[in-house]
Amino acid sequence: MGASESSLAAYSLRSETVDPVLEKVKSLRITSPILTTPPTDGSLTDILVRRPSSSSSQVAVNPKVFLELLSVYRDWQEEKAQTICKKQEDIEYKIEVADALATSPKFKPLSFPNEDCFTTFSRSGAWGA
């Protein structure tokens, strides 16, 4: 009785929301490599006759993949800019609320500008003094 109820409770407590990190992992796909190497030498003559290059390895960038990478980076930047703007708006709102509360007479510390009224009430016993 106790074991079956606890396993049912564990399943019923699962969250129905989808994990955003898991969704991003599921959306990943394999793409072509960004860097491509020139064709390798096929014969001994090609290897022996080949001139030494100025750089250690020659690679060419695939323009389509590079463009896709830049677009993903731009999207990421826009998303980050939106979250920063949202946070700034929240902070500005909180500052405005704090300023409004600080200047509002309703929330200022108690002060008795009219001491005569206060002393009158305390002398008459209206406040139990």
N, C-alpha and C. Protein backbone atom coordinates (compact mmCIF):
# COMPACT_ATOMS: atom_id res chain seq x y z
N MET A 1 0.83 -1.18 0.00
CA MET A 1 0.00 0.00 0.00
C MET A 1 0.88 1.25 0.00
N GLY A 2 1.84 1.34 0.88
CA GLY A 2 2.67 2.54 0.98
C GLY A 2 3.59 2.71 -0.22
N ALA A 3 4.15 1.62 -0.73
CA ALA A 3 5.10 1.74 -1.84
C ALA A 3 4.41 2.15 -3.13
N SER A 4 3.22 1.58 -3.38
CA SER A 4 2.52 1.92 -4.63
C SER A 4 2.01 3.35 -4.59
N GLU A 5 1.58 3.81 -3.44
CA GLU A 5 1.10 5.19 -3.33
C GLU A 5 2.23 6.19 -3.54
N SER A 6 3.42 5.89 -3.01
CA SER A 6 4.53 6.84 -3.15
C SER A 6 4.99 6.91 -4.60
N SER A 7 4.97 5.78 -5.33
CA SER A 7 5.39 5.84 -6.73
C SER A 7 4.36 6.59 -7.56
N LEU A 8 3.08 6.45 -7.22
CA LEU A 8 2.05 7.21 -7.93
C LEU A 8 2.18 8.70 -7.64
N ALA A 9 2.49 9.02 -6.41
CA ALA A 9 2.64 10.43 -6.04
C ALA A 9 3.84 11.04 -6.76
N ALA A 10 4.91 10.27 -6.92
CA ALA A 10 6.10 10.80 -7.60
C ALA A 10 5.79 11.11 -9.06
N TYR A 11 4.98 10.28 -9.69
CA TYR A 11 4.63 10.54 -11.09
C TYR A 11 3.65 11.70 -11.21
N SER A 12 2.78 11.85 -10.25
CA SER A 12 1.78 12.91 -10.35
C SER A 12 2.38 14.29 -10.06
N LEU A 13 3.53 14.35 -9.40
CA LEU A 13 4.16 15.62 -9.07
C LEU A 13 5.02 16.18 -10.20
N ARG A 14 5.14 15.46 -11.31
CA ARG A 14 5.95 15.94 -12.42
C ARG A 14 5.38 17.23 -12.98
N SER A 15 6.28 18.08 -13.38
CA SER A 15 5.88 19.36 -13.95
C SER A 15 5.48 19.17 -15.42
N GLU A 16 4.46 19.87 -15.82
CA GLU A 16 3.98 19.80 -17.20
C GLU A 16 4.71 20.77 -18.11
N THR A 17 5.51 21.66 -17.56
CA THR A 17 6.23 22.62 -18.39
C THR A 17 7.43 21.95 -19.04
N VAL A 18 7.80 22.46 -20.19
CA VAL A 18 8.92 21.90 -20.93
C VAL A 18 10.18 22.66 -20.55
N ASP A 19 11.24 21.92 -20.30
CA ASP A 19 12.51 22.52 -19.94
C ASP A 19 13.10 23.22 -21.16
N PRO A 20 13.40 24.54 -21.09
CA PRO A 20 13.91 25.25 -22.26
C PRO A 20 15.29 24.74 -22.70
N VAL A 21 16.12 24.29 -21.76
CA VAL A 21 17.43 23.77 -22.13
C VAL A 21 17.27 22.47 -22.91
N LEU A 22 16.35 21.63 -22.47
CA LEU A 22 16.10 20.38 -23.17
C LEU A 22 15.56 20.65 -24.57
N GLU A 23 14.72 21.64 -24.72
CA GLU A 23 14.20 22.00 -26.04
C GLU A 23 15.32 22.47 -26.96
N LYS A 24 16.26 23.25 -26.43
CA LYS A 24 17.38 23.72 -27.24
C LYS A 24 18.26 22.55 -27.67
N VAL A 25 18.48 21.61 -26.76
CA VAL A 25 19.29 20.44 -27.10
C VAL A 25 18.60 19.62 -28.18
N LYS A 26 17.29 19.46 -28.07
CA LYS A 26 16.55 18.70 -29.07
C LYS A 26 16.55 19.39 -30.43
N SER A 27 16.64 20.72 -30.43
CA SER A 27 16.60 21.45 -31.70
C SER A 27 17.95 21.49 -32.41
N LEU A 28 19.02 21.01 -31.75
CA LEU A 28 20.33 21.01 -32.39
C LEU A 28 20.34 20.04 -33.57
N ARG A 29 21.10 20.41 -34.59
CA ARG A 29 21.21 19.53 -35.75
C ARG A 29 22.64 19.58 -36.27
N ILE A 30 23.01 18.57 -36.99
CA ILE A 30 24.36 18.48 -37.54
C ILE A 30 24.40 19.31 -38.81
N THR A 31 25.42 20.15 -38.92
CA THR A 31 25.58 20.97 -40.12
C THR A 31 26.92 20.66 -40.75
N SER A 32 27.11 21.22 -41.90
CA SER A 32 28.40 21.02 -42.57
C SER A 32 29.47 21.82 -41.84
N PRO A 33 30.71 21.39 -41.92
CA PRO A 33 31.76 22.08 -41.17
C PRO A 33 32.00 23.49 -41.69
N ILE A 34 32.44 24.37 -40.80
CA ILE A 34 32.72 25.75 -41.19
C ILE A 34 33.99 25.81 -42.04
N LEU A 35 35.01 25.11 -41.61
CA LEU A 35 36.27 25.11 -42.34
C LEU A 35 36.38 23.87 -43.20
N THR A 36 36.81 24.06 -44.43
CA THR A 36 37.02 22.92 -45.33
C THR A 36 38.47 22.92 -45.76
N THR A 37 39.04 21.75 -45.89
CA THR A 37 40.43 21.63 -46.30
C THR A 37 40.48 21.38 -47.80
N PRO A 38 41.57 21.80 -48.45
CA PRO A 38 41.69 21.53 -49.88
C PRO A 38 41.82 20.03 -50.10
N PRO A 39 41.55 19.57 -51.30
CA PRO A 39 41.65 18.13 -51.56
C PRO A 39 43.06 17.62 -51.27
N THR A 40 43.11 16.43 -50.71
CA THR A 40 44.41 15.85 -50.37
C THR A 40 45.10 15.33 -51.62
N ASP A 41 46.39 15.21 -51.51
CA ASP A 41 47.17 14.71 -52.64
C ASP A 41 46.88 13.23 -52.84
N GLY A 42 46.67 12.87 -54.09
CA GLY A 42 46.26 11.50 -54.38
C GLY A 42 47.40 10.57 -54.74
N SER A 43 48.51 11.10 -55.23
CA SER A 43 49.58 10.20 -55.67
C SER A 43 50.91 10.67 -55.08
N LEU A 44 51.93 9.82 -55.24
CA LEU A 44 53.26 10.15 -54.74
C LEU A 44 53.83 11.35 -55.48
N THR A 45 53.55 11.47 -56.77
CA THR A 45 54.04 12.60 -57.56
C THR A 45 53.45 13.91 -57.03
N ASP A 46 52.16 13.91 -56.70
CA ASP A 46 51.53 15.11 -56.15
C ASP A 46 52.21 15.55 -54.85
N ILE A 47 52.56 14.58 -54.03
CA ILE A 47 53.20 14.90 -52.76
C ILE A 47 54.61 15.44 -52.99
N LEU A 48 55.37 14.80 -53.90
CA LEU A 48 56.75 15.21 -54.13
C LEU A 48 56.86 16.56 -54.85
N VAL A 49 55.93 16.85 -55.76
CA VAL A 49 55.99 18.07 -56.57
C VAL A 49 55.36 19.26 -55.84
N ARG A 50 54.58 19.00 -54.86
CA ARG A 50 53.86 20.07 -54.16
C ARG A 50 54.83 21.07 -53.56
N ARG A 51 54.49 22.35 -53.73
CA ARG A 51 55.31 23.42 -53.16
C ARG A 51 54.92 23.61 -51.69
N PRO A 52 55.87 23.94 -50.87
CA PRO A 52 55.52 24.21 -49.47
C PRO A 52 54.69 25.50 -49.38
N SER A 53 53.68 25.46 -48.57
CA SER A 53 52.81 26.63 -48.42
C SER A 53 53.38 27.58 -47.39
N SER A 54 52.95 28.82 -47.47
CA SER A 54 53.43 29.83 -46.51
C SER A 54 52.83 29.58 -45.13
N SER A 55 51.62 29.07 -45.10
CA SER A 55 51.01 28.74 -43.81
C SER A 55 51.06 27.24 -43.60
N SER A 56 50.92 26.84 -42.37
CA SER A 56 51.04 25.42 -42.06
C SER A 56 49.88 24.61 -42.62
N SER A 57 48.69 25.20 -42.66
CA SER A 57 47.54 24.48 -43.22
C SER A 57 46.65 25.48 -43.95
N GLN A 58 46.18 25.07 -45.10
CA GLN A 58 45.29 25.93 -45.87
C GLN A 58 43.86 25.45 -45.66
N VAL A 59 43.01 26.36 -45.26
CA VAL A 59 41.60 26.04 -45.08
C VAL A 59 40.77 27.15 -45.69
N ALA A 60 39.61 26.78 -46.15
CA ALA A 60 38.68 27.76 -46.71
C ALA A 60 37.40 27.73 -45.88
N VAL A 61 36.80 28.88 -45.70
CA VAL A 61 35.58 28.98 -44.91
C VAL A 61 34.39 28.78 -45.84
N ASN A 62 33.49 27.91 -45.42
CA ASN A 62 32.26 27.69 -46.18
C ASN A 62 31.36 28.91 -45.95
N PRO A 63 31.06 29.69 -46.99
CA PRO A 63 30.31 30.93 -46.79
C PRO A 63 28.89 30.71 -46.27
N LYS A 64 28.23 29.64 -46.69
CA LYS A 64 26.86 29.39 -46.23
C LYS A 64 26.83 29.11 -44.73
N VAL A 65 27.75 28.29 -44.29
CA VAL A 65 27.81 27.94 -42.87
C VAL A 65 28.21 29.17 -42.05
N PHE A 66 29.14 29.95 -42.58
CA PHE A 66 29.57 31.15 -41.88
C PHE A 66 28.42 32.14 -41.75
N LEU A 67 27.63 32.29 -42.80
CA LEU A 67 26.48 33.18 -42.77
C LEU A 67 25.44 32.70 -41.75
N GLU A 68 25.23 31.39 -41.70
CA GLU A 68 24.29 30.84 -40.73
C GLU A 68 24.79 31.06 -39.30
N LEU A 69 26.09 30.91 -39.11
CA LEU A 69 26.67 31.15 -37.80
C LEU A 69 26.50 32.60 -37.38
N LEU A 70 26.70 33.52 -38.30
CA LEU A 70 26.50 34.93 -37.99
C LEU A 70 25.04 35.24 -37.67
N SER A 71 24.11 34.61 -38.38
CA SER A 71 22.69 34.87 -38.10
C SER A 71 22.30 34.33 -36.72
N VAL A 72 22.85 33.18 -36.34
CA VAL A 72 22.58 32.63 -35.01
C VAL A 72 23.15 33.57 -33.95
N TYR A 73 24.34 34.09 -34.19
CA TYR A 73 24.96 35.02 -33.25
C TYR A 73 24.14 36.30 -33.14
N ARG A 74 23.63 36.80 -34.27
CA ARG A 74 22.81 38.02 -34.25
C ARG A 74 21.53 37.78 -33.45
N ASP A 75 20.90 36.63 -33.67
CA ASP A 75 19.68 36.30 -32.92
C ASP A 75 19.97 36.24 -31.42
N TRP A 76 21.11 35.65 -31.08
CA TRP A 76 21.49 35.56 -29.67
C TRP A 76 21.69 36.95 -29.09
N GLN A 77 22.36 37.83 -29.85
CA GLN A 77 22.58 39.20 -29.38
C GLN A 77 21.26 39.93 -29.17
N GLU A 78 20.32 39.77 -30.10
CA GLU A 78 19.02 40.43 -29.98
C GLU A 78 18.27 39.93 -28.75
N GLU A 79 18.34 38.63 -28.51
CA GLU A 79 17.67 38.06 -27.33
C GLU A 79 18.28 38.61 -26.04
N LYS A 80 19.59 38.68 -25.99
CA LYS A 80 20.26 39.23 -24.81
C LYS A 80 19.92 40.71 -24.63
N ALA A 81 19.86 41.46 -25.73
CA ALA A 81 19.52 42.89 -25.65
C ALA A 81 18.10 43.06 -25.11
N GLN A 82 17.18 42.19 -25.53
CA GLN A 82 15.81 42.28 -25.04
C GLN A 82 15.74 41.99 -23.54
N THR A 83 16.48 40.99 -23.08
CA THR A 83 16.45 40.68 -21.65
C THR A 83 17.08 41.80 -20.83
N ILE A 84 18.14 42.42 -21.37
CA ILE A 84 18.76 43.54 -20.67
C ILE A 84 17.81 44.71 -20.60
N CYS A 85 17.11 45.00 -21.71
CA CYS A 85 16.14 46.10 -21.72
C CYS A 85 15.02 45.84 -20.71
N LYS A 86 14.56 44.60 -20.64
CA LYS A 86 13.49 44.25 -19.70
C LYS A 86 13.96 44.47 -18.26
N LYS A 87 15.19 44.04 -17.97
CA LYS A 87 15.72 44.23 -16.62
C LYS A 87 15.87 45.71 -16.30
N GLN A 88 16.33 46.50 -17.28
CA GLN A 88 16.47 47.94 -17.06
C GLN A 88 15.11 48.59 -16.80
N GLU A 89 14.09 48.17 -17.54
CA GLU A 89 12.74 48.71 -17.31
C GLU A 89 12.25 48.36 -15.92
N ASP A 90 12.50 47.13 -15.48
CA ASP A 90 12.09 46.72 -14.13
C ASP A 90 12.80 47.56 -13.07
N ILE A 91 14.09 47.79 -13.26
CA ILE A 91 14.84 48.59 -12.30
C ILE A 91 14.33 50.03 -12.28
N GLU A 92 14.09 50.59 -13.47
CA GLU A 92 13.56 51.96 -13.54
C GLU A 92 12.21 52.06 -12.83
N TYR A 93 11.36 51.06 -13.02
CA TYR A 93 10.06 51.06 -12.36
C TYR A 93 10.22 51.01 -10.84
N LYS A 94 11.12 50.16 -10.37
CA LYS A 94 11.34 50.06 -8.93
C LYS A 94 11.88 51.36 -8.36
N ILE A 95 12.75 52.03 -9.12
CA ILE A 95 13.28 53.32 -8.66
C ILE A 95 12.16 54.35 -8.59
N GLU A 96 11.29 54.36 -9.60
CA GLU A 96 10.17 55.30 -9.60
C GLU A 96 9.24 55.05 -8.42
N VAL A 97 8.97 53.79 -8.13
CA VAL A 97 8.11 53.45 -6.99
C VAL A 97 8.76 53.89 -5.69
N ALA A 98 10.06 53.62 -5.56
CA ALA A 98 10.76 54.02 -4.34
C ALA A 98 10.76 55.54 -4.18
N ASP A 99 10.96 56.26 -5.28
CA ASP A 99 10.91 57.73 -5.21
C ASP A 99 9.52 58.21 -4.82
N ALA A 100 8.50 57.59 -5.40
CA ALA A 100 7.13 57.99 -5.08
C ALA A 100 6.81 57.73 -3.62
N LEU A 101 7.26 56.59 -3.11
CA LEU A 101 7.01 56.28 -1.70
C LEU A 101 7.80 57.20 -0.78
N ALA A 102 8.99 57.58 -1.21
CA ALA A 102 9.81 58.46 -0.37
C ALA A 102 9.24 59.86 -0.30
N THR A 103 8.63 60.32 -1.38
CA THR A 103 8.09 61.68 -1.39
C THR A 103 6.65 61.75 -0.92
N SER A 104 5.98 60.63 -0.82
CA SER A 104 4.59 60.62 -0.39
C SER A 104 4.49 60.90 1.10
N PRO A 105 3.63 61.83 1.51
CA PRO A 105 3.50 62.11 2.95
C PRO A 105 2.88 60.95 3.72
N LYS A 106 2.21 60.07 3.01
CA LYS A 106 1.56 58.95 3.67
C LYS A 106 2.60 57.99 4.27
N PHE A 107 3.76 57.86 3.62
CA PHE A 107 4.75 56.88 4.05
C PHE A 107 5.94 57.50 4.77
N LYS A 108 5.89 58.78 5.06
CA LYS A 108 6.97 59.41 5.82
C LYS A 108 6.84 58.97 7.27
N PRO A 109 7.93 59.03 8.01
CA PRO A 109 7.85 58.66 9.44
C PRO A 109 6.91 59.61 10.18
N LEU A 110 6.32 59.08 11.22
CA LEU A 110 5.36 59.88 11.98
C LEU A 110 6.03 61.11 12.58
N SER A 111 5.43 62.22 12.33
CA SER A 111 5.89 63.46 12.97
C SER A 111 4.65 64.25 13.36
N PHE A 112 4.78 64.95 14.40
CA PHE A 112 3.65 65.73 14.89
C PHE A 112 3.97 67.21 14.73
N PRO A 113 3.58 67.79 13.61
CA PRO A 113 3.90 69.21 13.42
C PRO A 113 3.11 70.09 14.38
N ASN A 114 1.94 69.63 14.75
CA ASN A 114 1.10 70.44 15.65
C ASN A 114 1.23 69.86 17.06
N GLU A 115 2.21 70.32 17.79
CA GLU A 115 2.44 69.79 19.13
C GLU A 115 1.29 70.11 20.08
N ASP A 116 0.58 71.20 19.84
CA ASP A 116 -0.52 71.57 20.73
C ASP A 116 -1.62 70.52 20.70
N CYS A 117 -1.91 70.02 19.51
CA CYS A 117 -2.96 69.00 19.38
C CYS A 117 -2.54 67.73 20.11
N PHE A 118 -1.29 67.34 19.95
CA PHE A 118 -0.78 66.14 20.59
C PHE A 118 -0.83 66.27 22.11
N THR A 119 -0.37 67.39 22.59
CA THR A 119 -0.38 67.57 24.04
C THR A 119 -1.80 67.66 24.57
N THR A 120 -2.71 68.21 23.77
CA THR A 120 -4.10 68.31 24.19
C THR A 120 -4.69 66.92 24.35
N PHE A 121 -4.45 66.04 23.36
CA PHE A 121 -4.98 64.69 23.44
C PHE A 121 -4.36 63.92 24.61
N SER A 122 -3.07 64.09 24.83
CA SER A 122 -2.42 63.34 25.90
C SER A 122 -2.89 63.83 27.27
N ARG A 123 -3.14 65.11 27.40
CA ARG A 123 -3.62 65.64 28.68
C ARG A 123 -5.05 65.23 28.97
N SER A 124 -5.85 65.17 27.93
CA SER A 124 -7.26 64.86 28.15
C SER A 124 -7.48 63.38 28.42
N GLY A 125 -6.45 62.56 28.18
CA GLY A 125 -6.60 61.13 28.43
C GLY A 125 -7.24 60.39 27.28
N ALA A 126 -7.33 61.03 26.12
CA ALA A 126 -7.94 60.37 24.98
C ALA A 126 -7.09 59.20 24.50
N TRP A 127 -5.78 59.26 24.75
CA TRP A 127 -4.90 58.18 24.30
C TRP A 127 -4.50 57.28 25.46
N GLY A 128 -5.13 57.44 26.53
CA GLY A 128 -4.85 56.57 27.67
C GLY A 128 -3.59 56.96 28.43
N ALA A 129 -3.10 58.16 28.23
CA ALA A 129 -1.88 58.58 28.92
C ALA A 129 -2.17 59.12 30.28
